[in-house]
C-alpha cells in the first residue's frame, strides 16, 4: 500500500493533477465571464428601433429611392480620374504639376 511519503514523491500527483485542475477550472471560469459579454450584447440589441433612431441618427435606415435620386443627379460624363501623389513624391510639387497640366489641357 502506498504511504503518504510515496504520494508526495509522485511527480504526477505533485505537478500533473494541479495543472489539470487549473486548466479545467480555468475553462469553467472563463465560460462564465464570456457569458456576461454575450448577455450584455443581447440587452443592447433589445433597444426599441424608434428610440434608437432618435438617439443615434447615423443608424437611421436609408431610403433606397433617395439614394437612387442622388446617384442620378451625379454627372459622370465630366468625371476625370486624377492620380494622387505616391508616398515618396512631394505632394505640393505634384499638385503644382497637375494644375499646370490642367491649365494646358483647358
N, C-alpha and C. Protein backbone atom coordinates (compact mmCIF):
# COMPACT_ATOMS: atom_id res chain seq x y z
N UNK A 1 0.84 -1.18 0.00
CA UNK A 1 0.00 0.00 0.00
C UNK A 1 0.89 1.25 0.00
N UNK A 2 0.44 2.26 -0.72
CA UNK A 2 1.23 3.48 -0.84
C UNK A 2 1.13 4.29 0.45
N UNK A 3 2.23 4.81 0.85
CA UNK A 3 2.24 5.65 2.04
C UNK A 3 2.13 7.11 1.61
N UNK A 4 1.95 7.96 2.60
CA UNK A 4 1.81 9.39 2.33
C UNK A 4 3.09 9.96 1.72
N UNK A 5 4.25 9.51 2.17
CA UNK A 5 5.53 10.00 1.63
C UNK A 5 5.71 9.57 0.18
N UNK A 6 5.24 8.39 -0.14
CA UNK A 6 5.34 7.92 -1.53
C UNK A 6 4.44 8.76 -2.43
N UNK A 7 3.28 9.15 -1.93
CA UNK A 7 2.39 10.02 -2.71
C UNK A 7 2.99 11.40 -2.90
N UNK A 8 3.71 11.90 -1.89
CA UNK A 8 4.34 13.22 -2.00
C UNK A 8 5.46 13.21 -3.04
N UNK A 9 6.13 12.10 -3.21
CA UNK A 9 7.24 11.99 -4.16
C UNK A 9 6.75 11.75 -5.59
N UNK A 10 5.53 11.36 -5.75
CA UNK A 10 4.99 11.06 -7.08
C UNK A 10 4.82 12.38 -7.86
N UNK A 11 5.54 12.52 -8.98
CA UNK A 11 5.52 13.78 -9.75
C UNK A 11 4.18 14.01 -10.44
N UNK A 12 3.50 12.94 -10.79
CA UNK A 12 2.19 13.10 -11.43
C UNK A 12 1.21 13.75 -10.48
N UNK A 13 1.20 13.30 -9.25
CA UNK A 13 0.29 13.89 -8.27
C UNK A 13 0.76 15.28 -7.84
N UNK A 14 2.06 15.49 -7.81
CA UNK A 14 2.60 16.75 -7.33
C UNK A 14 2.43 17.88 -8.36
N UNK A 15 2.63 17.58 -9.64
CA UNK A 15 2.58 18.62 -10.67
C UNK A 15 1.44 18.43 -11.67
N UNK A 16 1.14 17.22 -12.03
CA UNK A 16 0.15 16.96 -13.07
C UNK A 16 -1.27 17.24 -12.65
N UNK A 17 -1.66 16.78 -11.48
CA UNK A 17 -3.04 16.97 -11.02
C UNK A 17 -3.36 18.46 -10.80
N UNK A 18 -2.48 19.26 -10.14
CA UNK A 18 -2.80 20.69 -10.03
C UNK A 18 -2.89 21.39 -11.39
N UNK A 19 -2.03 20.99 -12.32
CA UNK A 19 -2.09 21.59 -13.66
C UNK A 19 -3.41 21.25 -14.34
N UNK A 20 -3.81 20.01 -14.24
CA UNK A 20 -5.07 19.59 -14.84
C UNK A 20 -6.25 20.31 -14.21
N UNK A 21 -6.22 20.46 -12.89
CA UNK A 21 -7.29 21.20 -12.21
C UNK A 21 -7.31 22.66 -12.63
N UNK A 22 -6.15 23.26 -12.82
CA UNK A 22 -6.08 24.65 -13.25
C UNK A 22 -6.65 24.83 -14.66
N UNK A 23 -6.33 23.94 -15.56
CA UNK A 23 -6.82 24.05 -16.94
C UNK A 23 -8.33 23.84 -16.99
N UNK A 24 -8.81 22.81 -16.34
CA UNK A 24 -10.25 22.52 -16.38
C UNK A 24 -11.03 23.58 -15.61
N UNK A 25 -10.54 23.97 -14.45
CA UNK A 25 -11.21 25.01 -13.66
C UNK A 25 -11.19 26.35 -14.36
N UNK A 26 -10.08 26.68 -15.02
CA UNK A 26 -10.00 27.93 -15.77
C UNK A 26 -10.97 27.97 -16.92
N UNK A 27 -11.18 26.83 -17.54
CA UNK A 27 -12.14 26.76 -18.64
C UNK A 27 -13.55 27.08 -18.15
N UNK A 28 -13.93 26.52 -17.03
CA UNK A 28 -15.26 26.81 -16.48
C UNK A 28 -15.36 28.26 -16.02
N UNK A 29 -14.29 28.79 -15.46
CA UNK A 29 -14.31 30.19 -15.02
C UNK A 29 -14.43 31.15 -16.19
N UNK A 30 -13.68 30.89 -17.26
CA UNK A 30 -13.75 31.77 -18.43
C UNK A 30 -15.10 31.69 -19.12
N UNK A 31 -15.74 30.54 -19.04
CA UNK A 31 -17.06 30.40 -19.65
C UNK A 31 -18.05 31.37 -19.01
N UNK A 32 -17.95 31.55 -17.70
CA UNK A 32 -18.85 32.47 -17.01
C UNK A 32 -18.60 33.91 -17.43
N UNK A 33 -17.33 34.29 -17.54
CA UNK A 33 -17.01 35.66 -17.93
C UNK A 33 -17.42 35.95 -19.38
N UNK A 34 -17.23 35.01 -20.27
CA UNK A 34 -17.64 35.25 -21.65
C UNK A 34 -19.15 35.27 -21.79
N UNK A 35 -19.86 34.55 -20.95
CA UNK A 35 -21.32 34.57 -21.00
C UNK A 35 -21.85 35.96 -20.63
N UNK A 36 -21.18 36.64 -19.72
CA UNK A 36 -21.57 38.00 -19.35
C UNK A 36 -21.50 38.91 -20.58
N UNK A 37 -20.48 38.74 -21.39
CA UNK A 37 -20.31 39.55 -22.59
C UNK A 37 -21.48 39.37 -23.55
N UNK A 38 -21.87 38.13 -23.79
CA UNK A 38 -22.95 37.88 -24.74
C UNK A 38 -24.30 38.30 -24.17
N UNK A 39 -24.49 38.19 -22.88
CA UNK A 39 -25.73 38.67 -22.27
C UNK A 39 -25.86 40.18 -22.41
N UNK A 40 -24.77 40.90 -22.25
CA UNK A 40 -24.80 42.35 -22.39
C UNK A 40 -25.12 42.74 -23.83
N UNK A 41 -24.63 42.00 -24.81
CA UNK A 41 -24.94 42.31 -26.21
C UNK A 41 -26.41 42.08 -26.50
N UNK A 42 -27.00 41.05 -25.92
CA UNK A 42 -28.42 40.79 -26.14
C UNK A 42 -29.27 41.91 -25.57
N UNK A 43 -28.90 42.42 -24.41
CA UNK A 43 -29.65 43.51 -23.79
C UNK A 43 -29.55 44.76 -24.65
N UNK A 44 -28.37 45.02 -25.19
CA UNK A 44 -28.17 46.21 -26.02
C UNK A 44 -28.99 46.12 -27.31
N UNK A 45 -29.16 44.93 -27.86
CA UNK A 45 -29.92 44.76 -29.10
C UNK A 45 -31.42 44.87 -28.88
N UNK A 46 -31.88 44.76 -27.65
CA UNK A 46 -33.31 44.83 -27.36
C UNK A 46 -33.83 46.26 -27.32
N UNK A 47 -32.99 47.24 -27.61
CA UNK A 47 -33.41 48.64 -27.62
C UNK A 47 -34.45 48.85 -28.71
N UNK A 48 -35.48 49.61 -28.41
CA UNK A 48 -36.56 49.87 -29.34
C UNK A 48 -36.01 50.61 -30.57
N UNK A 49 -36.32 50.16 -31.79
CA UNK A 49 -35.76 50.79 -33.00
C UNK A 49 -36.13 52.27 -33.14
N UNK A 50 -37.33 52.66 -32.74
CA UNK A 50 -37.71 54.08 -32.85
C UNK A 50 -36.89 54.92 -31.88
N UNK A 51 -36.67 54.40 -30.69
CA UNK A 51 -35.86 55.12 -29.71
C UNK A 51 -34.41 55.18 -30.17
N UNK A 52 -33.93 54.11 -30.75
CA UNK A 52 -32.55 54.08 -31.24
C UNK A 52 -32.35 55.07 -32.37
N UNK A 53 -33.34 55.25 -33.23
CA UNK A 53 -33.23 56.20 -34.33
C UNK A 53 -33.14 57.63 -33.79
N UNK A 54 -33.85 57.90 -32.69
CA UNK A 54 -33.77 59.23 -32.09
C UNK A 54 -32.43 59.45 -31.40
N UNK A 55 -31.92 58.41 -30.78
CA UNK A 55 -30.67 58.53 -30.04
C UNK A 55 -29.47 58.56 -30.98
N UNK A 56 -29.46 57.70 -31.99
CA UNK A 56 -28.33 57.58 -32.90
C UNK A 56 -28.80 57.85 -34.32
N UNK A 57 -28.72 59.10 -34.79
CA UNK A 57 -29.23 59.41 -36.14
C UNK A 57 -28.41 58.78 -37.26
N UNK A 58 -27.17 58.37 -37.00
CA UNK A 58 -26.35 57.76 -38.05
C UNK A 58 -26.85 56.38 -38.42
N UNK A 59 -27.57 55.72 -37.52
CA UNK A 59 -28.06 54.38 -37.80
C UNK A 59 -29.47 54.38 -38.39
N UNK A 60 -29.96 55.54 -38.77
CA UNK A 60 -31.29 55.58 -39.37
C UNK A 60 -31.26 54.83 -40.69
N UNK A 61 -32.37 54.22 -41.00
CA UNK A 61 -32.42 53.47 -42.25
C UNK A 61 -32.41 54.43 -43.44
N UNK A 62 -31.69 54.04 -44.47
CA UNK A 62 -31.56 54.85 -45.67
C UNK A 62 -32.62 54.39 -46.66
N UNK A 63 -33.33 55.34 -47.21
CA UNK A 63 -34.36 55.01 -48.19
C UNK A 63 -33.67 54.83 -49.54
N UNK A 64 -33.91 53.71 -50.16
CA UNK A 64 -33.23 53.34 -51.39
C UNK A 64 -33.55 54.31 -52.53
N UNK A 65 -34.78 54.77 -52.61
CA UNK A 65 -35.16 55.68 -53.69
C UNK A 65 -34.43 57.02 -53.58
N UNK A 66 -34.23 57.50 -52.35
CA UNK A 66 -33.50 58.75 -52.18
C UNK A 66 -32.05 58.61 -52.65
N UNK A 67 -31.43 57.50 -52.32
CA UNK A 67 -30.06 57.27 -52.76
C UNK A 67 -29.99 57.14 -54.28
N UNK A 68 -31.00 56.54 -54.89
CA UNK A 68 -31.03 56.41 -56.34
C UNK A 68 -31.14 57.78 -57.00
N UNK A 69 -31.96 58.66 -56.44
CA UNK A 69 -32.09 60.01 -56.99
C UNK A 69 -30.77 60.78 -56.88
N UNK A 70 -30.06 60.59 -55.78
CA UNK A 70 -28.76 61.26 -55.63
C UNK A 70 -27.78 60.77 -56.70
N UNK A 71 -27.80 59.48 -56.98
CA UNK A 71 -26.89 58.92 -57.98
C UNK A 71 -27.28 59.36 -59.39
N UNK A 72 -28.57 59.57 -59.65
CA UNK A 72 -29.00 60.05 -60.96
C UNK A 72 -28.53 61.48 -61.20
N UNK A 73 -28.46 62.28 -60.14
CA UNK A 73 -28.08 63.68 -60.28
C UNK A 73 -26.58 63.87 -60.50
N UNK A 74 -25.77 62.87 -60.24
CA UNK A 74 -24.33 62.99 -60.40
C UNK A 74 -23.98 62.95 -61.89
N UNK A 75 -23.16 63.90 -62.33
CA UNK A 75 -22.76 63.97 -63.73
C UNK A 75 -21.49 63.14 -63.91
N UNK A 76 -21.62 61.98 -64.52
CA UNK A 76 -20.48 61.10 -64.72
C UNK A 76 -19.73 61.39 -66.01
N UNK A 77 -20.30 62.20 -66.89
CA UNK A 77 -19.65 62.50 -68.17
C UNK A 77 -18.45 63.42 -67.97
N UNK A 78 -18.49 64.31 -66.99
CA UNK A 78 -17.41 65.27 -66.78
C UNK A 78 -16.38 64.75 -65.78
N UNK A 79 -16.52 63.52 -65.35
CA UNK A 79 -15.62 62.97 -64.34
C UNK A 79 -14.29 62.60 -64.95
N UNK A 80 -13.19 62.90 -64.25
CA UNK A 80 -11.86 62.53 -64.70
C UNK A 80 -11.13 61.84 -63.57
N UNK A 81 -10.37 60.83 -63.90
CA UNK A 81 -9.57 60.13 -62.91
C UNK A 81 -8.22 60.82 -62.81
N UNK A 82 -7.89 61.34 -61.63
CA UNK A 82 -6.64 62.06 -61.42
C UNK A 82 -5.81 61.26 -60.43
N UNK A 83 -4.59 60.95 -60.85
CA UNK A 83 -3.71 60.17 -59.99
C UNK A 83 -3.19 61.04 -58.85
N UNK A 84 -3.19 60.49 -57.66
CA UNK A 84 -2.65 61.17 -56.49
C UNK A 84 -1.16 60.94 -56.38
N UNK A 85 -0.50 61.68 -55.50
CA UNK A 85 0.95 61.52 -55.36
C UNK A 85 1.31 60.20 -54.71
N UNK A 86 2.46 59.69 -55.07
CA UNK A 86 2.99 58.47 -54.46
C UNK A 86 3.56 58.84 -53.09
N UNK A 87 3.75 57.85 -52.21
CA UNK A 87 4.28 58.17 -50.88
C UNK A 87 5.66 58.82 -50.92
N UNK A 88 6.47 58.52 -51.93
CA UNK A 88 7.81 59.08 -51.99
C UNK A 88 7.85 60.41 -52.73
N UNK A 89 6.73 60.83 -53.33
CA UNK A 89 6.68 62.10 -54.05
C UNK A 89 6.24 63.21 -53.10
N UNK A 90 6.72 64.43 -53.39
CA UNK A 90 6.30 65.60 -52.62
C UNK A 90 4.91 66.00 -53.11
N UNK A 91 3.95 66.04 -52.22
CA UNK A 91 2.57 66.27 -52.65
C UNK A 91 2.37 67.69 -53.18
N UNK A 92 3.04 68.69 -52.61
CA UNK A 92 2.88 70.07 -53.09
C UNK A 92 3.41 70.21 -54.51
N UNK A 93 4.57 69.64 -54.74
CA UNK A 93 5.16 69.71 -56.07
C UNK A 93 4.29 68.99 -57.10
N UNK A 94 3.75 67.85 -56.71
CA UNK A 94 2.91 67.08 -57.62
C UNK A 94 1.61 67.83 -57.93
N UNK A 95 1.06 68.49 -56.93
CA UNK A 95 -0.17 69.25 -57.16
C UNK A 95 0.07 70.40 -58.13
N UNK A 96 1.23 71.04 -58.02
CA UNK A 96 1.55 72.12 -58.96
C UNK A 96 1.67 71.59 -60.39
N UNK A 97 2.27 70.41 -60.55
CA UNK A 97 2.38 69.80 -61.87
C UNK A 97 0.99 69.47 -62.42
N UNK A 98 0.11 68.96 -61.60
CA UNK A 98 -1.24 68.63 -62.04
C UNK A 98 -1.99 69.89 -62.48
N UNK A 99 -1.85 70.96 -61.72
CA UNK A 99 -2.54 72.21 -62.08
C UNK A 99 -2.01 72.77 -63.40
N UNK A 100 -0.70 72.68 -63.60
CA UNK A 100 -0.15 73.19 -64.85
C UNK A 100 -0.62 72.34 -66.04
N UNK A 101 -0.74 71.02 -65.87
CA UNK A 101 -1.24 70.16 -66.94
C UNK A 101 -2.71 70.45 -67.24
N UNK A 102 -3.49 70.71 -66.20
CA UNK A 102 -4.90 71.01 -66.41
C UNK A 102 -5.06 72.36 -67.12
N UNK A 103 -4.19 73.30 -66.79
CA UNK A 103 -4.24 74.61 -67.44
C UNK A 103 -3.91 74.51 -68.92
N UNK A 104 -2.95 73.65 -69.27
CA UNK A 104 -2.58 73.46 -70.67
C UNK A 104 -3.68 72.73 -71.43
N UNK A 105 -4.34 71.78 -70.78
CA UNK A 105 -5.38 70.99 -71.44
C UNK A 105 -6.65 71.80 -71.65
N UNK A 106 -6.89 72.78 -70.80
CA UNK A 106 -8.14 73.55 -70.90
C UNK A 106 -8.06 74.67 -71.87
